[in-house]
């Protein structure tokens, strides 16, 4: 019976005594090169950081800017989520944003005196609601008072702004003047 190997026969390479020295020299050269590269990179990092950190002695950066921004729109809501008033960007009182420490001090002083310290905003638009949370009046600085009336189903039926209210009052005044000039018999009455 003949026995066959199931694994191939390993070939062993023969090394000469010089190969060992060559491998050692290659390894040592690679190690020295990596150490040299690390020292160069470390030296560069140290010099770069020193230069950047010393720049604070020669550079100065100063910014002076007044608050000329009007982009704060304020919205005030009640507990039911209805909008009570709005303040447009032009009307926001920025005093509490400019000097925060002074504002905080004034609020503390007001609390000590048991008073309320609130900013004084301009151009405020106020809203009033009925029991169904529908707007019944809106008072704005540029449009005056606008009133809203609803039908029984809760739909907006009539709205009247300040200009329309003035026109109606003028017509009523004219009607009153005409009626006061007429007597009950329908004849003009010219005496006052």
Protein backbone atom coordinates (compact mmCIF):
# COMPACT_ATOMS: atom_id res chain seq x y z
CA UNK A 1 0.00 0.00 0.00
CA UNK A 2 1.28 3.37 -0.94
CA UNK A 3 0.93 6.42 1.38
CA UNK A 4 0.32 9.81 -0.18
CA UNK A 5 0.60 13.15 1.61
CA UNK A 6 -2.55 15.24 1.78
CA UNK A 7 -0.62 18.48 2.29
CA UNK A 8 1.98 19.73 -0.11
CA UNK A 9 5.54 19.46 1.00
CA UNK A 10 6.81 22.74 2.41
CA UNK A 11 9.73 24.27 0.69
CA UNK A 12 12.21 25.77 3.13
CA UNK A 13 14.22 28.60 1.75
CA UNK A 14 17.83 28.57 2.53
CA UNK A 15 19.23 31.76 3.99
CA UNK A 16 22.78 32.74 3.76
CA UNK A 17 24.53 34.34 6.72
CA UNK A 18 24.45 37.66 4.81
CA UNK A 19 20.65 37.63 4.59
CA UNK A 20 20.34 37.92 8.34
CA UNK A 21 22.61 40.96 8.41
CA UNK A 22 20.70 42.53 5.50
CA UNK A 23 17.35 42.11 7.25
CA UNK A 24 18.75 43.60 10.45
CA UNK A 25 20.18 46.60 8.55
CA UNK A 26 16.85 47.18 6.75
CA UNK A 27 14.94 47.02 10.03
CA UNK A 28 17.38 49.37 11.76
CA UNK A 29 17.29 51.84 8.84
CA UNK A 30 13.47 51.87 8.84
CA UNK A 31 13.44 52.46 12.60
CA UNK A 32 15.92 55.34 12.34
CA UNK A 33 13.94 56.91 9.47
CA UNK A 34 10.65 56.74 11.44
CA UNK A 35 12.32 58.32 14.48
CA UNK A 36 13.78 61.08 12.29
CA UNK A 37 10.37 61.72 10.66
CA UNK A 38 8.67 61.88 14.08
CA UNK A 39 11.26 64.38 15.33
CA UNK A 40 10.83 66.60 12.25
CA UNK A 41 7.02 66.57 12.59
CA UNK A 42 7.25 67.22 16.34
CA UNK A 43 9.69 70.09 15.78
CA UNK A 44 7.38 71.62 13.15
CA UNK A 45 4.35 71.31 15.47
CA UNK A 46 6.25 72.93 18.35
CA UNK A 47 7.49 75.83 16.20
CA UNK A 48 4.03 76.33 14.63
CA UNK A 49 2.25 76.43 18.00
CA UNK A 50 4.87 78.76 19.46
CA UNK A 51 4.47 81.15 16.52
CA UNK A 52 0.68 81.09 16.69
CA UNK A 53 0.55 81.56 20.45
CA UNK A 54 3.03 84.44 20.33
CA UNK A 55 0.88 86.22 17.76
CA UNK A 56 -1.35 87.53 20.57
CA UNK A 57 1.53 89.80 21.61
CA UNK A 58 1.68 91.50 18.21
CA UNK A 59 -1.97 91.46 17.07
CA UNK A 60 -4.98 93.24 18.48
CA UNK A 61 -8.62 92.90 17.47
CA UNK A 62 -11.16 95.45 18.67
CA UNK A 63 -14.83 95.69 17.73
CA UNK A 64 -17.11 98.56 18.63
CA UNK A 65 -20.66 98.18 17.42
CA UNK A 66 -23.78 100.00 18.44
CA UNK A 67 -27.08 98.18 18.46
CA UNK A 68 -28.75 99.21 15.21
CA UNK A 69 -30.71 96.05 14.72
CA UNK A 70 -34.46 96.04 14.74
CA UNK A 71 -35.25 92.38 14.27
CA UNK A 72 -36.95 91.59 17.55
CA UNK A 73 -40.67 90.99 17.01
CA UNK A 74 -42.44 90.30 20.27
CA UNK A 75 -45.60 88.21 20.60
CA UNK A 76 -47.62 88.11 23.85
CA UNK A 77 -50.13 85.28 24.40
CA UNK A 78 -52.68 84.55 27.12
CA UNK A 79 -53.12 81.19 28.84
CA UNK A 80 -55.65 80.08 26.22
CA UNK A 81 -53.10 80.61 23.45
CA UNK A 82 -54.72 83.77 22.07
CA UNK A 83 -52.43 86.48 20.74
CA UNK A 84 -52.85 89.48 23.07
CA UNK A 85 -50.42 91.94 21.56
CA UNK A 86 -47.55 92.21 19.11
CA UNK A 87 -44.66 94.63 19.05
CA UNK A 88 -43.03 95.22 15.64
CA UNK A 89 -39.24 95.41 15.37
CA UNK A 90 -39.25 99.21 15.22
CA UNK A 91 -41.20 99.49 18.48
CA UNK A 92 -39.17 97.11 20.67
CA UNK A 93 -37.49 98.79 23.63
CA UNK A 94 -33.89 97.59 23.38
CA UNK A 95 -32.77 99.08 26.69
CA UNK A 96 -32.90 95.70 28.41
CA UNK A 97 -30.73 94.14 25.69
CA UNK A 98 -28.05 96.84 25.61
CA UNK A 99 -27.01 96.94 29.25
CA UNK A 100 -28.03 93.61 30.69
CA UNK A 101 -26.44 94.19 34.10
CA UNK A 102 -28.14 97.59 34.51
CA UNK A 103 -31.49 96.07 33.52
CA UNK A 104 -31.06 93.22 36.00
CA UNK A 105 -30.15 95.70 38.74
CA UNK A 106 -33.23 97.81 38.00
CA UNK A 107 -35.46 94.71 38.09
CA UNK A 108 -33.98 93.68 41.46
CA UNK A 109 -34.58 97.20 42.82
CA UNK A 110 -38.18 97.16 41.57
CA UNK A 111 -38.78 93.76 43.21
CA UNK A 112 -37.38 95.08 46.49
CA UNK A 113 -39.90 97.94 46.28
CA UNK A 114 -42.64 95.44 45.31
CA UNK A 115 -43.23 97.15 41.97
CA UNK A 116 -43.05 95.86 38.41
CA UNK A 117 -40.32 96.85 35.97
CA UNK A 118 -41.30 96.33 32.35
CA UNK A 119 -39.81 97.71 29.15
CA UNK A 120 -41.73 100.50 27.45
CA UNK A 121 -42.48 99.30 23.93
CA UNK A 122 -43.97 101.47 21.18
CA UNK A 123 -46.20 100.68 18.19
CA UNK A 124 -48.05 97.95 20.08
CA UNK A 125 -50.98 96.18 18.40
CA UNK A 126 -53.56 94.86 20.90
CA UNK A 127 -56.18 92.16 20.31
CA UNK A 128 -59.47 91.46 22.17
CA UNK A 129 -61.38 88.16 22.03
CA UNK A 130 -64.90 86.98 22.77
CA UNK A 131 -65.79 83.85 24.75
CA UNK A 132 -65.41 81.73 21.60
CA UNK A 133 -61.77 82.88 21.20
CA UNK A 134 -62.62 84.95 18.13
CA UNK A 135 -61.00 88.35 17.60
CA UNK A 136 -63.57 91.08 18.23
CA UNK A 137 -61.22 94.08 18.16
CA UNK A 138 -57.74 94.91 17.00
CA UNK A 139 -56.06 98.20 17.84
CA UNK A 140 -52.92 99.02 15.86
CA UNK A 141 -50.91 102.25 15.80
CA UNK A 142 -51.18 102.74 12.04
CA UNK A 143 -54.66 101.35 11.37
CA UNK A 144 -56.55 102.40 14.48
CA UNK A 145 -59.26 100.16 15.88
CA UNK A 146 -60.76 97.42 13.72
CA UNK A 147 -63.88 95.68 15.02
CA UNK A 148 -65.20 92.26 14.01
CA UNK A 149 -68.73 90.83 14.30
CA UNK A 150 -69.68 87.18 13.83
CA UNK A 151 -72.95 85.46 12.93
CA UNK A 152 -74.60 82.77 15.06
CA UNK A 153 -72.51 80.05 13.41
CA UNK A 154 -69.26 81.78 14.38
CA UNK A 155 -68.44 83.02 10.88
CA UNK A 156 -67.03 86.50 10.34
CA UNK A 157 -69.97 88.62 9.18
CA UNK A 158 -68.80 92.24 9.39
CA UNK A 159 -65.56 94.02 10.04
CA UNK A 160 -65.09 97.77 10.34
CA UNK A 161 -61.81 99.66 10.54
CA UNK A 162 -61.23 103.18 11.85
CA UNK A 163 -61.74 104.86 8.44
CA UNK A 164 -65.05 103.09 7.90
CA UNK A 165 -66.20 104.05 11.39
CA UNK A 166 -65.48 107.71 10.67
CA UNK A 167 -67.39 107.55 7.36
CA UNK A 168 -70.43 106.04 9.11
CA UNK A 169 -70.32 108.77 11.78
CA UNK A 170 -70.23 111.44 9.06
CA UNK A 171 -73.29 109.93 7.36
CA UNK A 172 -75.15 109.73 10.68
CA UNK A 173 -74.31 113.38 11.39
CA UNK A 174 -75.62 114.43 7.96
CA UNK A 175 -78.81 112.43 8.53
CA UNK A 176 -79.32 114.02 11.95
CA UNK A 177 -78.82 117.50 10.49
CA UNK A 178 -81.33 116.81 7.71
CA UNK A 179 -83.86 115.31 10.12
CA UNK A 180 -83.52 118.23 12.53
CA UNK A 181 -84.38 120.64 9.71
CA UNK A 182 -87.66 118.84 8.99
CA UNK A 183 -90.81 119.20 11.01
CA UNK A 184 -93.12 116.34 11.83
CA UNK A 185 -95.44 117.33 9.01
CA UNK A 186 -92.63 116.88 6.50
CA UNK A 187 -92.21 120.61 5.86
CA UNK A 188 -88.81 122.25 6.14
CA UNK A 189 -88.22 124.04 9.39
CA UNK A 190 -85.72 126.84 8.91
CA UNK A 191 -85.50 128.24 12.40
CA UNK A 192 -83.19 126.68 14.89
